Amino acid sequence: FEVPVLMYGAAHAHGRRLAQIRREAGYFKGADAGEWGGAIQSFLASQPEYGPQKVAAKTGIICLGAGPWVVNFNVALKTSDLQQARNIARAVSSRGGGLPSVEAMALPHSDQLIEIACNLLDSSSTSQQTVSTRIRHLAEEAGLVVHDAYSTNQNPEDLVRLANEILINQPSQSAVNSD
């Protein structure tokens, strides 16, 4: 398959951000209609580093980057009011004047559940707890109820711990070769 490959972060000559690629490709356009899956355009605004500029609906695009660990932290609100949820996402996001190193957007999941999906670009400057507290405060001010808060990936410390556990439980190479 011929799939466009766009680089971001330290893998891109000018440090282009993943969010910039997504905006240019139309990824967030579906969110305007309450469709959180996105709507990739058939032609990319930027020339990809590899592959064609035309996007096949069957294969999409590949985004490849390098950068600091990003924590994906989400807070689900019991509401159907997408505009209120977007206001909260904007108030939390650093782009909207909120918390430093936080990207956020509102993603509808059902008639009564909208998720504030957050990327913590530097969890040492803004923690999950700080984001959760801020969203809970904003939701309370808006008369909304928080349903749940959760991380969708593991933090680097947990991954290192898991790797160590796996390595410790592996037979040594000398024991494997001696059979």
Protein backbone atom coordinates (compact mmCIF):
# COMPACT_ATOMS: atom_id res chain seq x y z
CA PHE A 1 0.00 0.00 0.00
CA GLU A 2 1.06 3.55 -0.67
CA VAL A 3 0.34 5.41 2.56
CA PRO A 4 1.33 9.03 3.29
CA VAL A 5 3.75 9.32 6.21
CA LEU A 6 3.93 12.62 8.07
CA MET A 7 6.63 13.22 10.66
CA TYR A 8 6.21 15.26 13.84
CA GLY A 9 8.10 16.31 16.95
CA ALA A 10 11.84 15.65 16.97
CA ALA A 11 11.42 13.45 13.86
CA HIS A 12 10.34 16.52 11.81
CA ALA A 13 12.89 19.09 10.60
CA HIS A 14 10.93 21.97 12.17
CA GLY A 15 9.37 20.14 15.13
CA ARG A 16 5.85 20.15 13.70
CA ARG A 17 3.29 19.07 16.32
CA LEU A 18 0.91 16.13 15.92
CA ALA A 19 -2.07 18.42 16.59
CA GLN A 20 -0.99 20.57 13.62
CA ILE A 21 -1.00 17.53 11.31
CA ARG A 22 -4.41 16.51 12.59
CA ARG A 23 -5.84 19.99 12.00
CA GLU A 24 -4.39 20.22 8.47
CA ALA A 25 -5.60 16.71 7.59
CA GLY A 26 -9.13 17.44 8.79
CA TYR A 27 -8.99 14.97 11.68
CA PHE A 28 -10.92 17.26 14.02
CA LYS A 29 -13.59 18.31 11.48
CA GLY A 30 -15.85 15.41 12.42
CA ALA A 31 -15.89 16.68 16.00
CA ASP A 32 -17.82 19.77 14.85
CA ALA A 33 -20.73 17.48 13.97
CA GLY A 34 -20.37 15.46 17.18
CA GLU A 35 -18.43 12.67 15.43
CA TRP A 36 -15.31 12.13 17.49
CA GLY A 37 -13.68 9.73 15.00
CA GLY A 38 -12.53 12.49 12.68
CA ALA A 39 -12.85 12.98 8.94
CA ILE A 40 -9.51 12.77 7.09
CA GLN A 41 -9.50 14.72 3.83
CA SER A 42 -8.65 12.97 0.56
CA PHE A 43 -5.68 15.29 -0.09
CA LEU A 44 -3.27 16.51 2.58
CA ALA A 45 -2.56 20.23 2.99
CA SER A 46 1.14 19.47 3.66
CA GLN A 47 3.38 17.33 1.51
CA PRO A 48 4.12 14.14 3.46
CA GLU A 49 7.74 13.25 4.14
CA TYR A 50 7.14 9.84 2.54
CA GLY A 51 4.49 8.42 0.25
CA PRO A 52 1.72 10.07 -1.77
CA GLN A 53 -0.15 13.28 -0.98
CA LYS A 54 -3.45 11.58 -1.81
CA VAL A 55 -5.08 9.74 1.11
CA ALA A 56 -6.90 6.47 0.49
CA ALA A 57 -9.98 6.04 2.69
CA LYS A 58 -9.04 2.40 3.24
CA THR A 59 -5.54 3.09 4.59
CA GLY A 60 -5.54 6.66 5.95
CA ILE A 61 -2.25 8.26 6.95
CA ILE A 62 0.65 7.40 9.22
CA CYS A 63 1.99 9.92 11.73
CA LEU A 64 5.42 9.12 13.06
CA GLY A 65 7.16 11.22 15.66
CA ALA A 66 9.53 11.43 18.54
CA GLY A 67 9.14 13.42 21.69
CA PRO A 68 8.60 13.29 25.40
CA TRP A 69 6.09 10.83 26.86
CA VAL A 70 2.49 12.01 26.59
CA VAL A 71 -0.02 10.96 29.24
CA ASN A 72 -3.53 10.45 27.90
CA PHE A 73 -5.94 11.37 30.68
CA ASN A 74 -9.70 11.63 30.20
CA VAL A 75 -12.60 12.81 32.30
CA ALA A 76 -16.11 11.72 31.31
CA LEU A 77 -19.00 14.08 32.02
CA LYS A 78 -22.64 13.04 32.36
CA THR A 79 -24.10 15.49 29.86
CA SER A 80 -25.35 15.85 26.32
CA ASP A 81 -24.36 19.53 26.17
CA LEU A 82 -21.43 19.47 23.76
CA GLN A 83 -20.94 23.25 23.91
CA GLN A 84 -20.54 23.24 27.72
CA ALA A 85 -18.09 20.34 27.46
CA ARG A 86 -16.12 22.21 24.78
CA ASN A 87 -16.00 25.27 27.04
CA ILE A 88 -14.51 23.11 29.81
CA ALA A 89 -11.99 21.54 27.40
CA ARG A 90 -10.94 25.00 26.20
CA ALA A 91 -10.58 26.29 29.78
CA VAL A 92 -8.34 23.32 30.68
CA SER A 93 -6.20 23.44 27.54
CA SER A 94 -3.06 25.57 27.48
CA ARG A 95 -4.10 26.73 23.99
CA GLY A 96 -7.24 28.21 25.58
CA GLY A 97 -5.32 29.86 28.42
CA GLY A 98 -5.77 26.97 30.86
CA LEU A 99 -3.23 24.60 32.37
CA PRO A 100 0.34 24.48 31.03
CA SER A 101 1.30 21.61 28.71
CA VAL A 102 -2.29 20.34 28.34
CA GLU A 103 -4.18 19.73 25.10
CA ALA A 104 -7.89 18.98 25.52
CA MET A 105 -11.01 18.44 23.45
CA ALA A 106 -14.59 17.30 24.06
CA LEU A 107 -15.54 13.95 22.49
CA PRO A 108 -19.18 12.78 22.57
CA HIS A 109 -19.54 9.08 23.42
CA SER A 110 -23.29 8.69 23.86
CA ASP A 111 -26.43 10.74 24.39
CA GLN A 112 -25.49 11.46 28.00
CA LEU A 113 -21.69 11.09 28.09
CA ILE A 114 -19.04 13.45 26.78
CA GLU A 115 -15.37 12.89 27.45
CA ILE A 116 -12.85 15.65 28.02
CA ALA A 117 -9.87 13.98 26.35
CA CYS A 118 -6.56 15.43 27.53
CA ASN A 119 -2.97 15.02 26.42
CA LEU A 120 -0.59 15.93 29.21
CA LEU A 121 2.49 16.96 27.25
CA ASP A 122 4.59 17.34 30.40
CA SER A 123 3.11 15.57 33.39
CA SER A 124 5.87 16.95 35.61
CA SER A 125 4.43 20.46 35.11
CA THR A 126 0.73 19.49 35.14
CA SER A 127 -0.35 16.26 36.81
CA GLN A 128 -3.42 14.10 36.22
CA GLN A 129 -4.65 15.17 39.66
CA THR A 130 -4.37 18.86 38.72
CA VAL A 131 -6.30 18.28 35.48
CA SER A 132 -8.95 16.20 37.27
CA THR A 133 -9.40 18.83 39.99
CA ARG A 134 -9.71 21.63 37.43
CA ILE A 135 -12.26 19.76 35.29
CA ARG A 136 -14.28 18.77 38.37
CA HIS A 137 -14.35 22.41 39.49
CA LEU A 138 -15.40 23.67 36.04
CA ALA A 139 -18.03 20.92 35.72
CA GLU A 140 -19.46 21.79 39.13
CA GLU A 141 -19.65 25.48 38.17
CA ALA A 142 -21.55 24.47 35.00
CA GLY A 143 -23.90 22.19 36.93
CA LEU A 144 -22.46 19.04 35.35
CA VAL A 145 -21.57 15.72 36.99
CA VAL A 146 -18.25 13.94 36.49
CA HIS A 147 -18.83 10.29 35.63
CA ASP A 148 -15.26 8.95 35.65
CA ALA A 149 -11.61 9.95 35.25
CA TYR A 150 -9.01 7.60 33.79
CA SER A 151 -5.71 7.31 31.99
CA THR A 152 -5.67 5.45 28.68
CA ASN A 153 -2.00 4.59 28.74
CA GLN A 154 0.60 3.63 31.29
CA ASN A 155 3.16 6.05 32.65
CA PRO A 156 6.87 5.51 31.92
CA GLU A 157 7.60 4.34 35.48
CA ASP A 158 4.97 1.57 35.21
CA LEU A 159 6.38 0.48 31.85
CA VAL A 160 9.92 0.29 33.22
CA ARG A 161 8.66 -1.72 36.20
CA LEU A 162 6.80 -4.10 33.86
CA ALA A 163 9.86 -4.52 31.62
CA ASN A 164 12.01 -5.31 34.66
CA GLU A 165 9.50 -7.90 35.86
CA ILE A 166 9.50 -9.55 32.43
CA LEU A 167 13.29 -9.54 32.20
CA ILE A 168 13.72 -10.92 35.72
CA ASN A 169 11.34 -13.78 34.94
CA GLN A 170 13.12 -14.74 31.68
CA PRO A 171 15.54 -17.67 31.75
CA SER A 172 19.13 -16.52 31.34
CA GLN A 173 20.79 -17.04 27.94
CA SER A 174 23.39 -19.39 29.47
CA ALA A 175 20.60 -21.64 30.85
CA VAL A 176 18.85 -21.63 27.47
CA ASN A 177 22.08 -22.41 25.53
CA SER A 178 23.17 -25.23 27.87
CA ASP A 179 20.26 -27.52 26.90
